[in-house]
Amino acid sequence: SPATVASSAITGEITSHVAYGQKLGRFRPDQKLGITGIAASEPRRINGVWNYADVDSLNTDQMFAGNLTYTVSSADPESILPHLFVGFDPAFAARVGKGDIILAGENFGCGSSREHPAVGLAHAGVKAVIVKSVNRIFFRSSVNQGLILIVQPEVVESYRSGDKVSVSLDSGTIELNDRVFHYPPLPGKLLDIIRKKGLVNWIKES
């Protein structure tokens, strides 16, 4: 499967995506879907950071409505952008920009396995998604699309509105104002997949 290909590319040996995710502690089993939304007037983007730290179980239906999958192809990322997060934060699609960072709580990306959200976020230029935990299928989709997804609960819990956040992939660090947090540095092959904008490009160029 694509997930096993991605996991094996990272580890250098045949590795199931489930085993790889459990090893890194990235995955959260599906839980009851969270029902929550953000008012369009509620400011959630400050200094390029989308603060959803208080939101658990942000699911793929909220990120990209399921009925749209019949008319919007995941192979057409530009057509996905206007619909991103519409079912959750109406301001997101119009305001998200290149280099933005998203913070969120537990079980990020739960729900249906559609790849549209990861495709859209990567195409929008989102620099990184930092979460407390992530659904394993969404993590797989993120790797496939070259979207950086980091599990670092301490950063999410420490963030306060207006804080400045920066991410270094090479050193495995996240700066929150003047504080430095660490996470396991991404393996070289995974970094290569991300820098080549996804698994398909990585395979083509390898």
N, C-alpha and C. Protein backbone atom coordinates (compact mmCIF):
# COMPACT_ATOMS: atom_id res chain seq x y z
N SER A 1 0.84 -1.19 0.00
CA SER A 1 0.00 0.00 0.00
C SER A 1 0.88 1.24 0.00
N PRO A 2 0.35 2.40 -0.39
CA PRO A 2 1.15 3.63 -0.32
C PRO A 2 1.69 3.91 1.07
N ALA A 3 0.91 3.55 2.08
CA ALA A 3 1.35 3.79 3.46
C ALA A 3 2.58 2.97 3.79
N THR A 4 2.57 1.69 3.37
CA THR A 4 3.72 0.83 3.62
C THR A 4 4.93 1.31 2.83
N VAL A 5 4.69 1.76 1.58
CA VAL A 5 5.80 2.31 0.78
C VAL A 5 6.43 3.49 1.50
N ALA A 6 5.60 4.40 2.02
CA ALA A 6 6.12 5.57 2.72
C ALA A 6 6.89 5.17 3.96
N SER A 7 6.32 4.27 4.77
CA SER A 7 6.99 3.85 6.00
C SER A 7 8.30 3.14 5.69
N SER A 8 8.30 2.31 4.65
CA SER A 8 9.52 1.57 4.29
C SER A 8 10.59 2.50 3.75
N ALA A 9 10.15 3.54 3.00
CA ALA A 9 11.12 4.53 2.50
C ALA A 9 11.80 5.24 3.64
N ILE A 10 11.07 5.47 4.70
CA ILE A 10 11.61 6.20 5.84
C ILE A 10 12.60 5.34 6.62
N THR A 11 12.23 4.06 6.85
CA THR A 11 13.04 3.21 7.72
C THR A 11 14.15 2.47 6.98
N GLY A 12 14.02 2.34 5.66
CA GLY A 12 15.03 1.61 4.90
C GLY A 12 14.80 0.12 4.85
N GLU A 13 13.66 -0.33 5.37
CA GLU A 13 13.28 -1.73 5.32
C GLU A 13 11.77 -1.84 5.27
N ILE A 14 11.26 -3.03 4.91
CA ILE A 14 9.82 -3.19 4.82
C ILE A 14 9.21 -2.98 6.20
N THR A 15 8.37 -1.96 6.30
CA THR A 15 7.79 -1.57 7.59
C THR A 15 6.33 -1.17 7.38
N SER A 16 5.43 -1.76 8.15
CA SER A 16 4.03 -1.37 8.04
C SER A 16 3.85 0.03 8.62
N HIS A 17 2.90 0.79 8.07
CA HIS A 17 2.67 2.15 8.56
C HIS A 17 2.16 2.14 10.00
N VAL A 18 1.46 1.07 10.39
CA VAL A 18 0.97 0.98 11.77
C VAL A 18 2.14 0.84 12.73
N ALA A 19 3.07 -0.06 12.40
CA ALA A 19 4.22 -0.27 13.27
C ALA A 19 5.08 0.98 13.37
N TYR A 20 5.26 1.67 12.23
CA TYR A 20 6.08 2.88 12.25
C TYR A 20 5.44 3.96 13.10
N GLY A 21 4.14 4.13 12.93
CA GLY A 21 3.45 5.16 13.71
C GLY A 21 3.46 4.88 15.19
N GLN A 22 3.29 3.61 15.57
CA GLN A 22 3.32 3.26 16.98
C GLN A 22 4.71 3.49 17.57
N LYS A 23 5.72 3.23 16.78
CA LYS A 23 7.09 3.44 17.26
C LYS A 23 7.34 4.90 17.59
N LEU A 24 6.82 5.80 16.76
CA LEU A 24 7.04 7.23 16.98
C LEU A 24 6.01 7.85 17.93
N GLY A 25 4.98 7.08 18.27
CA GLY A 25 3.95 7.61 19.16
C GLY A 25 3.13 8.69 18.51
N ARG A 26 2.95 8.62 17.21
CA ARG A 26 2.26 9.69 16.49
C ARG A 26 0.75 9.45 16.42
N PHE A 27 0.32 8.20 16.45
CA PHE A 27 -1.04 7.89 16.08
C PHE A 27 -1.98 7.82 17.27
N ARG A 28 -3.20 8.25 17.04
CA ARG A 28 -4.27 8.15 18.03
C ARG A 28 -5.41 7.36 17.39
N PRO A 29 -5.89 6.28 18.02
CA PRO A 29 -7.02 5.53 17.45
C PRO A 29 -8.22 6.45 17.28
N ASP A 30 -9.08 6.09 16.34
CA ASP A 30 -10.30 6.88 16.13
C ASP A 30 -11.09 6.98 17.42
N GLN A 31 -11.59 8.16 17.69
CA GLN A 31 -12.45 8.40 18.83
C GLN A 31 -13.75 9.01 18.31
N LYS A 32 -14.69 9.28 19.19
CA LYS A 32 -15.92 9.93 18.80
C LYS A 32 -15.59 11.27 18.15
N LEU A 33 -16.20 11.52 17.01
CA LEU A 33 -15.90 12.75 16.29
C LEU A 33 -16.32 13.97 17.10
N GLY A 34 -15.43 14.94 17.14
CA GLY A 34 -15.75 16.17 17.85
C GLY A 34 -16.74 17.01 17.04
N ILE A 35 -17.67 17.63 17.69
CA ILE A 35 -18.63 18.51 17.01
C ILE A 35 -18.36 19.92 17.52
N THR A 36 -17.67 20.69 16.71
CA THR A 36 -17.30 22.04 17.12
C THR A 36 -17.10 22.90 15.89
N GLY A 37 -17.23 24.17 16.06
CA GLY A 37 -17.03 25.09 14.94
C GLY A 37 -16.55 26.43 15.45
N ILE A 38 -15.97 27.19 14.54
CA ILE A 38 -15.42 28.50 14.86
C ILE A 38 -16.25 29.57 14.13
N ALA A 39 -16.65 30.59 14.85
CA ALA A 39 -17.39 31.69 14.21
C ALA A 39 -16.46 32.44 13.27
N ALA A 40 -16.99 32.90 12.16
CA ALA A 40 -16.18 33.62 11.17
C ALA A 40 -15.54 34.87 11.77
N SER A 41 -16.16 35.41 12.78
CA SER A 41 -15.64 36.63 13.41
C SER A 41 -14.60 36.35 14.49
N GLU A 42 -14.39 35.08 14.80
CA GLU A 42 -13.46 34.72 15.88
C GLU A 42 -12.04 34.66 15.33
N PRO A 43 -11.14 35.50 15.84
CA PRO A 43 -9.77 35.53 15.28
C PRO A 43 -8.94 34.32 15.72
N ARG A 44 -8.68 33.44 14.80
CA ARG A 44 -7.87 32.27 15.11
C ARG A 44 -6.50 32.30 14.44
N ARG A 45 -6.28 33.26 13.56
CA ARG A 45 -4.98 33.37 12.89
C ARG A 45 -4.29 34.65 13.35
N ILE A 46 -3.16 34.50 14.06
CA ILE A 46 -2.36 35.63 14.50
C ILE A 46 -0.89 35.30 14.26
N ASN A 47 -0.17 36.22 13.64
CA ASN A 47 1.25 36.01 13.31
C ASN A 47 1.47 34.74 12.50
N GLY A 48 0.52 34.44 11.61
CA GLY A 48 0.67 33.27 10.75
C GLY A 48 0.41 31.94 11.43
N VAL A 49 -0.14 31.96 12.64
CA VAL A 49 -0.43 30.73 13.38
C VAL A 49 -1.94 30.59 13.55
N TRP A 50 -2.46 29.46 13.11
CA TRP A 50 -3.88 29.13 13.30
C TRP A 50 -4.00 28.37 14.61
N ASN A 51 -4.65 28.98 15.58
CA ASN A 51 -4.71 28.41 16.92
C ASN A 51 -5.99 27.62 17.14
N TYR A 52 -5.89 26.31 16.95
CA TYR A 52 -6.97 25.38 17.26
C TYR A 52 -6.53 24.44 18.39
N ALA A 53 -5.69 24.95 19.26
CA ALA A 53 -5.13 24.13 20.34
C ALA A 53 -6.21 23.60 21.27
N ASP A 54 -7.34 24.28 21.31
CA ASP A 54 -8.42 23.87 22.19
C ASP A 54 -9.40 22.92 21.52
N VAL A 55 -9.07 22.48 20.31
CA VAL A 55 -9.99 21.65 19.53
C VAL A 55 -9.42 20.24 19.38
N ASP A 56 -10.14 19.26 19.90
CA ASP A 56 -9.79 17.85 19.71
C ASP A 56 -10.67 17.24 18.62
N SER A 57 -10.17 16.18 18.01
CA SER A 57 -10.93 15.42 17.01
C SER A 57 -11.45 16.30 15.88
N LEU A 58 -10.59 17.17 15.38
CA LEU A 58 -10.93 17.94 14.18
C LEU A 58 -10.91 16.96 13.01
N ASN A 59 -12.06 16.68 12.44
CA ASN A 59 -12.17 15.57 11.50
C ASN A 59 -12.15 16.01 10.04
N THR A 60 -12.00 15.04 9.15
CA THR A 60 -11.83 15.35 7.73
C THR A 60 -13.10 15.91 7.10
N ASP A 61 -14.27 15.62 7.68
CA ASP A 61 -15.50 16.22 7.15
C ASP A 61 -15.52 17.72 7.43
N GLN A 62 -14.98 18.13 8.56
CA GLN A 62 -14.91 19.55 8.87
C GLN A 62 -13.86 20.25 8.02
N MET A 63 -12.83 19.51 7.64
CA MET A 63 -11.77 20.08 6.81
C MET A 63 -12.18 20.17 5.34
N PHE A 64 -12.97 19.18 4.89
CA PHE A 64 -13.41 19.15 3.49
C PHE A 64 -14.65 18.28 3.42
N ALA A 65 -15.78 18.88 3.09
CA ALA A 65 -17.07 18.18 3.14
C ALA A 65 -17.10 16.97 2.22
N GLY A 66 -17.64 15.87 2.74
CA GLY A 66 -17.66 14.62 2.00
C GLY A 66 -18.42 14.69 0.69
N ASN A 67 -19.52 15.47 0.62
CA ASN A 67 -20.30 15.55 -0.62
C ASN A 67 -19.52 16.19 -1.75
N LEU A 68 -18.46 16.95 -1.42
CA LEU A 68 -17.67 17.61 -2.46
C LEU A 68 -16.73 16.66 -3.19
N THR A 69 -16.49 15.49 -2.60
CA THR A 69 -15.55 14.55 -3.23
C THR A 69 -16.07 14.06 -4.58
N TYR A 70 -17.39 14.20 -4.83
CA TYR A 70 -17.96 13.77 -6.10
C TYR A 70 -17.73 14.78 -7.21
N THR A 71 -17.44 16.00 -6.84
CA THR A 71 -17.28 17.05 -7.86
C THR A 71 -15.90 17.70 -7.85
N VAL A 72 -15.18 17.56 -6.76
CA VAL A 72 -13.84 18.16 -6.66
C VAL A 72 -12.81 17.04 -6.54
N SER A 73 -11.94 16.96 -7.51
CA SER A 73 -10.95 15.89 -7.53
C SER A 73 -9.76 16.21 -6.63
N SER A 74 -9.23 15.19 -5.97
CA SER A 74 -8.03 15.39 -5.15
C SER A 74 -6.81 15.66 -6.01
N ALA A 75 -6.93 15.39 -7.31
CA ALA A 75 -5.83 15.66 -8.25
C ALA A 75 -5.82 17.11 -8.71
N ASP A 76 -6.80 17.90 -8.25
CA ASP A 76 -6.90 19.32 -8.62
C ASP A 76 -6.84 20.17 -7.36
N PRO A 77 -5.64 20.34 -6.79
CA PRO A 77 -5.51 21.02 -5.50
C PRO A 77 -6.04 22.45 -5.49
N GLU A 78 -5.95 23.14 -6.61
CA GLU A 78 -6.43 24.53 -6.64
C GLU A 78 -7.94 24.60 -6.38
N SER A 79 -8.66 23.58 -6.87
CA SER A 79 -10.11 23.58 -6.68
C SER A 79 -10.51 23.20 -5.26
N ILE A 80 -9.58 22.64 -4.51
CA ILE A 80 -9.85 22.26 -3.12
C ILE A 80 -9.80 23.48 -2.20
N LEU A 81 -8.92 24.42 -2.51
CA LEU A 81 -8.64 25.53 -1.60
C LEU A 81 -9.87 26.30 -1.11
N PRO A 82 -10.83 26.64 -1.97
CA PRO A 82 -11.96 27.43 -1.47
C PRO A 82 -12.83 26.69 -0.45
N HIS A 83 -12.66 25.39 -0.36
CA HIS A 83 -13.53 24.58 0.50
C HIS A 83 -12.84 24.12 1.79
N LEU A 84 -11.57 24.45 1.96
CA LEU A 84 -10.83 23.98 3.12
C LEU A 84 -11.41 24.53 4.42
N PHE A 85 -11.71 23.65 5.34
CA PHE A 85 -12.16 23.99 6.70
C PHE A 85 -13.48 24.76 6.73
N VAL A 86 -14.20 24.81 5.61
CA VAL A 86 -15.44 25.58 5.57
C VAL A 86 -16.43 25.09 6.62
N GLY A 87 -16.45 23.77 6.88
CA GLY A 87 -17.37 23.22 7.86
C GLY A 87 -16.91 23.41 9.29
N PHE A 88 -15.79 24.10 9.47
CA PHE A 88 -15.25 24.29 10.81
C PHE A 88 -14.93 25.75 11.11
N ASP A 89 -14.13 26.37 10.25
CA ASP A 89 -13.75 27.77 10.42
C ASP A 89 -13.96 28.48 9.08
N PRO A 90 -15.05 29.20 8.92
CA PRO A 90 -15.38 29.84 7.64
C PRO A 90 -14.33 30.84 7.16
N ALA A 91 -13.47 31.32 8.05
CA ALA A 91 -12.46 32.32 7.66
C ALA A 91 -11.20 31.67 7.10
N PHE A 92 -11.04 30.37 7.29
CA PHE A 92 -9.77 29.72 6.98
C PHE A 92 -9.41 29.78 5.50
N ALA A 93 -10.31 29.35 4.64
CA ALA A 93 -9.99 29.22 3.22
C ALA A 93 -9.53 30.54 2.60
N ALA A 94 -10.13 31.62 3.01
CA ALA A 94 -9.80 32.92 2.43
C ALA A 94 -8.52 33.51 3.00
N ARG A 95 -8.12 33.07 4.19
CA ARG A 95 -7.00 33.72 4.87
C ARG A 95 -5.73 32.87 4.96
N VAL A 96 -5.84 31.56 4.77
CA VAL A 96 -4.65 30.72 4.91
C VAL A 96 -3.63 31.12 3.86
N GLY A 97 -2.35 31.13 4.27
CA GLY A 97 -1.30 31.56 3.35
C GLY A 97 -0.04 30.73 3.47
N LYS A 98 0.83 30.91 2.53
CA LYS A 98 2.09 30.19 2.51
C LYS A 98 2.89 30.49 3.77
N GLY A 99 3.40 29.44 4.41
CA GLY A 99 4.21 29.60 5.60
C GLY A 99 3.41 29.56 6.89
N ASP A 100 2.09 29.47 6.80
CA ASP A 100 1.26 29.40 8.00
C ASP A 100 1.51 28.10 8.77
N ILE A 101 1.25 28.14 10.06
CA ILE A 101 1.37 26.97 10.93
C ILE A 101 0.03 26.75 11.61
N ILE A 102 -0.37 25.48 11.72
CA ILE A 102 -1.62 25.12 12.38
C ILE A 102 -1.30 24.37 13.67
N LEU A 103 -1.94 24.78 14.77
CA LEU A 103 -1.85 24.07 16.03
C LEU A 103 -3.22 23.45 16.33
N ALA A 104 -3.23 22.20 16.79
CA ALA A 104 -4.50 21.54 17.12
C ALA A 104 -4.28 20.52 18.22
N GLY A 105 -5.40 20.02 18.77
CA GLY A 105 -5.34 19.13 19.92
C GLY A 105 -5.19 17.66 19.56
N GLU A 106 -5.95 16.82 20.25
CA GLU A 106 -5.86 15.37 20.09
C GLU A 106 -6.61 14.88 18.85
N ASN A 107 -6.14 13.75 18.33
CA ASN A 107 -6.87 12.99 17.30
C ASN A 107 -7.12 13.81 16.04
N PHE A 108 -6.15 14.60 15.64
CA PHE A 108 -6.28 15.44 14.46
C PHE A 108 -6.45 14.57 13.21
N GLY A 109 -7.41 14.94 12.36
CA GLY A 109 -7.59 14.24 11.08
C GLY A 109 -8.37 12.95 11.17
N CYS A 110 -9.17 12.78 12.23
CA CYS A 110 -9.97 11.56 12.35
C CYS A 110 -11.11 11.61 11.34
N GLY A 111 -11.85 10.51 11.24
CA GLY A 111 -12.98 10.47 10.33
C GLY A 111 -12.66 9.76 9.03
N SER A 112 -13.32 10.16 7.96
CA SER A 112 -13.15 9.51 6.65
C SER A 112 -11.71 9.65 6.15
N SER A 113 -11.34 8.74 5.27
CA SER A 113 -9.94 8.68 4.84
C SER A 113 -9.64 9.50 3.60
N ARG A 114 -10.49 10.42 3.23
CA ARG A 114 -10.25 11.20 2.01
C ARG A 114 -8.96 12.00 2.13
N GLU A 115 -8.27 12.16 1.00
CA GLU A 115 -6.98 12.83 1.00
C GLU A 115 -7.07 14.32 0.67
N HIS A 116 -8.25 14.81 0.34
CA HIS A 116 -8.40 16.21 -0.04
C HIS A 116 -7.84 17.20 0.98
N PRO A 117 -8.08 17.01 2.30
CA PRO A 117 -7.56 18.00 3.25
C PRO A 117 -6.04 18.13 3.21
N ALA A 118 -5.34 16.99 3.19
CA ALA A 118 -3.87 17.04 3.15
C ALA A 118 -3.38 17.65 1.85
N VAL A 119 -4.04 17.30 0.74
CA VAL A 119 -3.68 17.86 -0.56
C VAL A 119 -3.85 19.38 -0.53
N GLY A 120 -4.98 19.83 -0.02
CA GLY A 120 -5.26 21.26 0.01
C GLY A 120 -4.33 22.04 0.91
N LEU A 121 -4.06 21.51 2.11
CA LEU A 121 -3.17 22.20 3.04
C LEU A 121 -1.75 22.30 2.49
N ALA A 122 -1.29 21.22 1.86
CA ALA A 122 0.05 21.25 1.26
C ALA A 122 0.10 22.26 0.12
N HIS A 123 -0.93 22.28 -0.70
CA HIS A 123 -0.96 23.20 -1.84
C HIS A 123 -1.06 24.65 -1.38
N ALA A 124 -1.73 24.88 -0.26
CA ALA A 124 -1.86 26.24 0.27
C ALA A 124 -0.55 26.77 0.81
N GLY A 125 0.41 25.87 1.02
CA GLY A 125 1.72 26.29 1.51
C GLY A 125 1.85 26.26 3.02
N VAL A 126 0.93 25.55 3.70
CA VAL A 126 1.04 25.43 5.15
C VAL A 126 2.39 24.81 5.50
N LYS A 127 3.14 25.49 6.36
CA LYS A 127 4.50 25.05 6.66
C LYS A 127 4.52 23.82 7.55
N ALA A 128 3.62 23.77 8.54
CA ALA A 128 3.60 22.63 9.45
C ALA A 128 2.28 22.61 10.20
N VAL A 129 1.88 21.39 10.58
CA VAL A 129 0.74 21.19 11.47
C VAL A 129 1.30 20.54 12.73
N ILE A 130 1.10 21.19 13.87
CA ILE A 130 1.62 20.70 15.15
C ILE A 130 0.44 20.31 16.02
N VAL A 131 0.42 19.06 16.46
CA VAL A 131 -0.76 18.54 17.17
C VAL A 131 -0.35 17.76 18.42
N LYS A 132 -1.35 17.47 19.25
CA LYS A 132 -1.11 16.61 20.41
C LYS A 132 -1.06 15.15 20.01
N SER A 133 -1.91 14.75 19.08
CA SER A 133 -1.88 13.41 18.51
C SER A 133 -2.60 13.45 17.17
N VAL A 134 -2.38 12.41 16.35
CA VAL A 134 -2.90 12.44 14.99
C VAL A 134 -3.49 11.08 14.64
N ASN A 135 -4.54 11.10 13.86
CA ASN A 135 -5.09 9.88 13.30
C ASN A 135 -4.10 9.27 12.32
N ARG A 136 -3.89 7.96 12.39
CA ARG A 136 -2.83 7.33 11.60
C ARG A 136 -3.07 7.44 10.09
N ILE A 137 -4.34 7.38 9.67
CA ILE A 137 -4.62 7.49 8.24
C ILE A 137 -4.30 8.89 7.73
N PHE A 138 -4.61 9.89 8.54
CA PHE A 138 -4.29 11.26 8.13
C PHE A 138 -2.79 11.47 8.10
N PHE A 139 -2.06 10.87 9.03
CA PHE A 139 -0.61 10.98 9.01
C PHE A 139 -0.06 10.40 7.72
N ARG A 140 -0.57 9.23 7.33
CA ARG A 140 -0.14 8.61 6.08
C ARG A 140 -0.40 9.55 4.91
N SER A 141 -1.60 10.13 4.87
CA SER A 141 -1.96 11.04 3.78
C SER A 141 -1.05 12.26 3.76
N SER A 142 -0.69 12.76 4.94
CA SER A 142 0.20 13.93 5.02
C SER A 142 1.56 13.62 4.44
N VAL A 143 2.11 12.46 4.79
CA VAL A 143 3.40 12.05 4.24
C VAL A 143 3.30 11.98 2.72
N ASN A 144 2.25 11.34 2.22
CA ASN A 144 2.09 11.18 0.78
C ASN A 144 2.05 12.52 0.05
N GLN A 145 1.53 13.56 0.70
CA GLN A 145 1.37 14.86 0.06
C GLN A 145 2.50 15.82 0.39
N GLY A 146 3.43 15.42 1.24
CA GLY A 146 4.54 16.30 1.59
C GLY A 146 4.16 17.36 2.61
N LEU A 147 3.09 17.09 3.37
CA LEU A 147 2.64 18.01 4.42
C LEU A 147 3.33 17.64 5.74
N ILE A 148 3.98 18.60 6.36
CA ILE A 148 4.70 18.35 7.60
C ILE A 148 3.73 18.30 8.77
N LEU A 149 3.70 17.17 9.46
CA LEU A 149 2.81 17.00 10.60
C LEU A 149 3.64 16.53 11.79
N ILE A 150 3.66 17.32 12.85
CA ILE A 150 4.53 17.07 14.01
C ILE A 150 3.67 16.88 15.24
N VAL A 151 3.94 15.81 15.99
CA VAL A 151 3.27 15.59 17.27
C VAL A 151 4.17 16.13 18.38
N GLN A 152 3.73 17.21 19.01
CA GLN A 152 4.48 17.82 20.11
C GLN A 152 3.46 18.46 21.07
N PRO A 153 2.89 17.65 21.96
CA PRO A 153 1.82 18.15 22.85
C PRO A 153 2.23 19.35 23.69
N GLU A 154 3.51 19.40 24.10
CA GLU A 154 3.94 20.48 24.99
C GLU A 154 3.85 21.84 24.29
N VAL A 155 4.18 21.86 23.01
CA VAL A 155 4.07 23.12 22.26
C VAL A 155 2.62 23.57 22.18
N VAL A 156 1.73 22.63 21.86
CA VAL A 156 0.32 22.96 21.75
C VAL A 156 -0.22 23.49 23.06
N GLU A 157 0.17 22.86 24.16
CA GLU A 157 -0.32 23.28 25.48
C GLU A 157 0.29 24.60 25.94
N SER A 158 1.51 24.89 25.49
CA SER A 158 2.21 26.09 25.94
C SER A 158 1.85 27.33 25.14
N TYR A 159 1.34 27.13 23.92
CA TYR A 159 1.06 28.26 23.04
C TYR A 159 0.00 29.19 23.64
N ARG A 160 0.26 30.48 23.50
CA ARG A 160 -0.71 31.51 23.86
C ARG A 160 -0.93 32.42 22.66
N SER A 161 -2.12 32.91 22.52
CA SER A 161 -2.47 33.72 21.36
C SER A 161 -1.47 34.85 21.14
N GLY A 162 -0.93 34.92 19.93
CA GLY A 162 0.05 35.95 19.59
C GLY A 162 1.48 35.49 19.66
N ASP A 163 1.73 34.32 20.25
CA ASP A 163 3.09 33.79 20.31
C ASP A 163 3.63 33.56 18.89
N LYS A 164 4.94 33.70 18.76
CA LYS A 164 5.59 33.42 17.48
C LYS A 164 6.10 31.98 17.48
N VAL A 165 5.84 31.27 16.38
CA VAL A 165 6.21 29.86 16.28
C VAL A 165 7.04 29.65 15.02
N SER A 166 8.16 28.95 15.16
CA SER A 166 8.97 28.59 13.99
C SER A 166 9.41 27.14 14.13
N VAL A 167 9.59 26.47 13.00
CA VAL A 167 9.90 25.05 12.97
C VAL A 167 11.18 24.82 12.18
N SER A 168 12.07 24.00 12.73
CA SER A 168 13.27 23.59 12.01
C SER A 168 13.22 22.08 11.80
N LEU A 169 13.11 21.67 10.56
CA LEU A 169 13.06 20.23 10.27
C LEU A 169 14.42 19.57 10.47
N ASP A 170 15.48 20.27 10.11
CA ASP A 170 16.80 19.67 10.20
C ASP A 170 17.22 19.36 11.63
N SER A 171 16.89 20.25 12.55
CA SER A 171 17.32 20.06 13.93
C SER A 171 16.25 19.42 14.81
N GLY A 172 15.03 19.30 14.28
CA GLY A 172 13.95 18.73 15.07
C GLY A 172 13.57 19.61 16.23
N THR A 173 13.47 20.92 15.98
CA THR A 173 13.12 21.86 17.06
C THR A 173 11.97 22.77 16.63
N ILE A 174 11.24 23.23 17.63
CA ILE A 174 10.19 24.21 17.45
C ILE A 174 10.46 25.36 18.42
N GLU A 175 10.54 26.57 17.90
CA GLU A 175 10.74 27.73 18.76
C GLU A 175 9.39 28.40 19.02
N LEU A 176 9.10 28.60 20.29
CA LEU A 176 7.90 29.29 20.72
C LEU A 176 8.36 30.52 21.47
N ASN A 177 8.34 31.67 20.77
CA ASN A 177 8.98 32.88 21.28
C ASN A 177 10.45 32.56 21.55
N ASP A 178 10.91 32.64 22.80
CA ASP A 178 12.32 32.36 23.09
C ASP A 178 12.53 30.97 23.70
N ARG A 179 11.49 30.15 23.70
CA ARG A 179 11.60 28.79 24.22
C ARG A 179 11.81 27.80 23.07
N VAL A 180 12.63 26.78 23.30
CA VAL A 180 12.92 25.79 22.28
C VAL A 180 12.39 24.43 22.73
N PHE A 181 11.59 23.81 21.89
CA PHE A 181 11.04 22.48 22.15
C PHE A 181 11.61 21.50 21.12
N HIS A 182 11.80 20.28 21.56
CA HIS A 182 12.38 19.27 20.67
C HIS A 182 11.33 18.22 20.31
N TYR A 183 11.51 17.66 19.15
CA TYR A 183 10.74 16.49 18.72
C TYR A 183 11.70 15.60 17.94
N PRO A 184 11.42 14.29 17.81
CA PRO A 184 12.34 13.41 17.09
C PRO A 184 12.58 13.93 15.67
N PRO A 185 13.83 14.23 15.31
CA PRO A 185 14.10 14.72 13.95
C PRO A 185 13.58 13.74 12.92
N LEU A 186 13.03 14.25 11.85
CA LEU A 186 12.49 13.39 10.80
C LEU A 186 13.64 12.66 10.09
N PRO A 187 13.49 11.36 9.81
CA PRO A 187 14.53 10.62 9.08
C PRO A 187 14.81 11.28 7.74
N GLY A 188 16.02 11.09 7.26
CA GLY A 188 16.44 11.75 6.03
C GLY A 188 15.53 11.48 4.84
N LYS A 189 15.08 10.24 4.71
CA LYS A 189 14.23 9.91 3.57
C LYS A 189 12.87 10.60 3.66
N LEU A 190 12.34 10.72 4.88
CA LEU A 190 11.08 11.42 5.05
C LEU A 190 11.24 12.91 4.73
N LEU A 191 12.36 13.48 5.15
CA LEU A 191 12.63 14.88 4.81
C LEU A 191 12.69 15.05 3.29
N ASP A 192 13.28 14.07 2.63
CA ASP A 192 13.40 14.13 1.17
C ASP A 192 12.02 14.07 0.51
N ILE A 193 11.14 13.22 1.03
CA ILE A 193 9.78 13.13 0.51
C ILE A 193 9.07 14.47 0.66
N ILE A 194 9.22 15.07 1.82
CA ILE A 194 8.55 16.35 2.09
C ILE A 194 9.12 17.45 1.19
N ARG A 195 10.43 17.48 1.04
CA ARG A 195 11.04 18.52 0.22
C ARG A 195 10.72 18.35 -1.26
N LYS A 196 10.41 17.14 -1.67
CA LYS A 196 10.02 16.89 -3.06
C LYS A 196 8.51 17.01 -3.24
N LYS A 197 7.83 17.52 -2.20
CA LYS A 197 6.39 17.79 -2.27
C LYS A 197 5.55 16.52 -2.41
N GLY A 198 5.99 15.44 -1.77
CA GLY A 198 5.14 14.25 -1.71
C GLY A 198 5.79 12.98 -2.22
N LEU A 199 5.13 11.87 -1.89
CA LEU A 199 5.66 10.54 -2.20
C LEU A 199 5.76 10.28 -3.69
N VAL A 200 4.75 10.71 -4.45
CA VAL A 200 4.76 10.45 -5.90
C VAL A 200 5.97 11.11 -6.53
N ASN A 201 6.24 12.37 -6.20
CA ASN A 201 7.41 13.06 -6.76
C ASN A 201 8.70 12.40 -6.30
N TRP A 202 8.74 11.96 -5.04
CA TRP A 202 9.94 11.31 -4.51
C TRP A 202 10.24 10.03 -5.28
N ILE A 203 9.20 9.24 -5.57
CA ILE A 203 9.39 7.99 -6.32
C ILE A 203 9.85 8.29 -7.74
N LYS A 204 9.25 9.31 -8.36
CA LYS A 204 9.63 9.66 -9.73
C LYS A 204 11.08 10.09 -9.84
N GLU A 205 11.56 10.79 -8.80
CA GLU A 205 12.91 11.36 -8.87
C GLU A 205 13.97 10.47 -8.24
N SER A 206 13.55 9.38 -7.64
CA SER A 206 14.52 8.48 -6.98
C SER A 206 15.13 7.50 -7.99
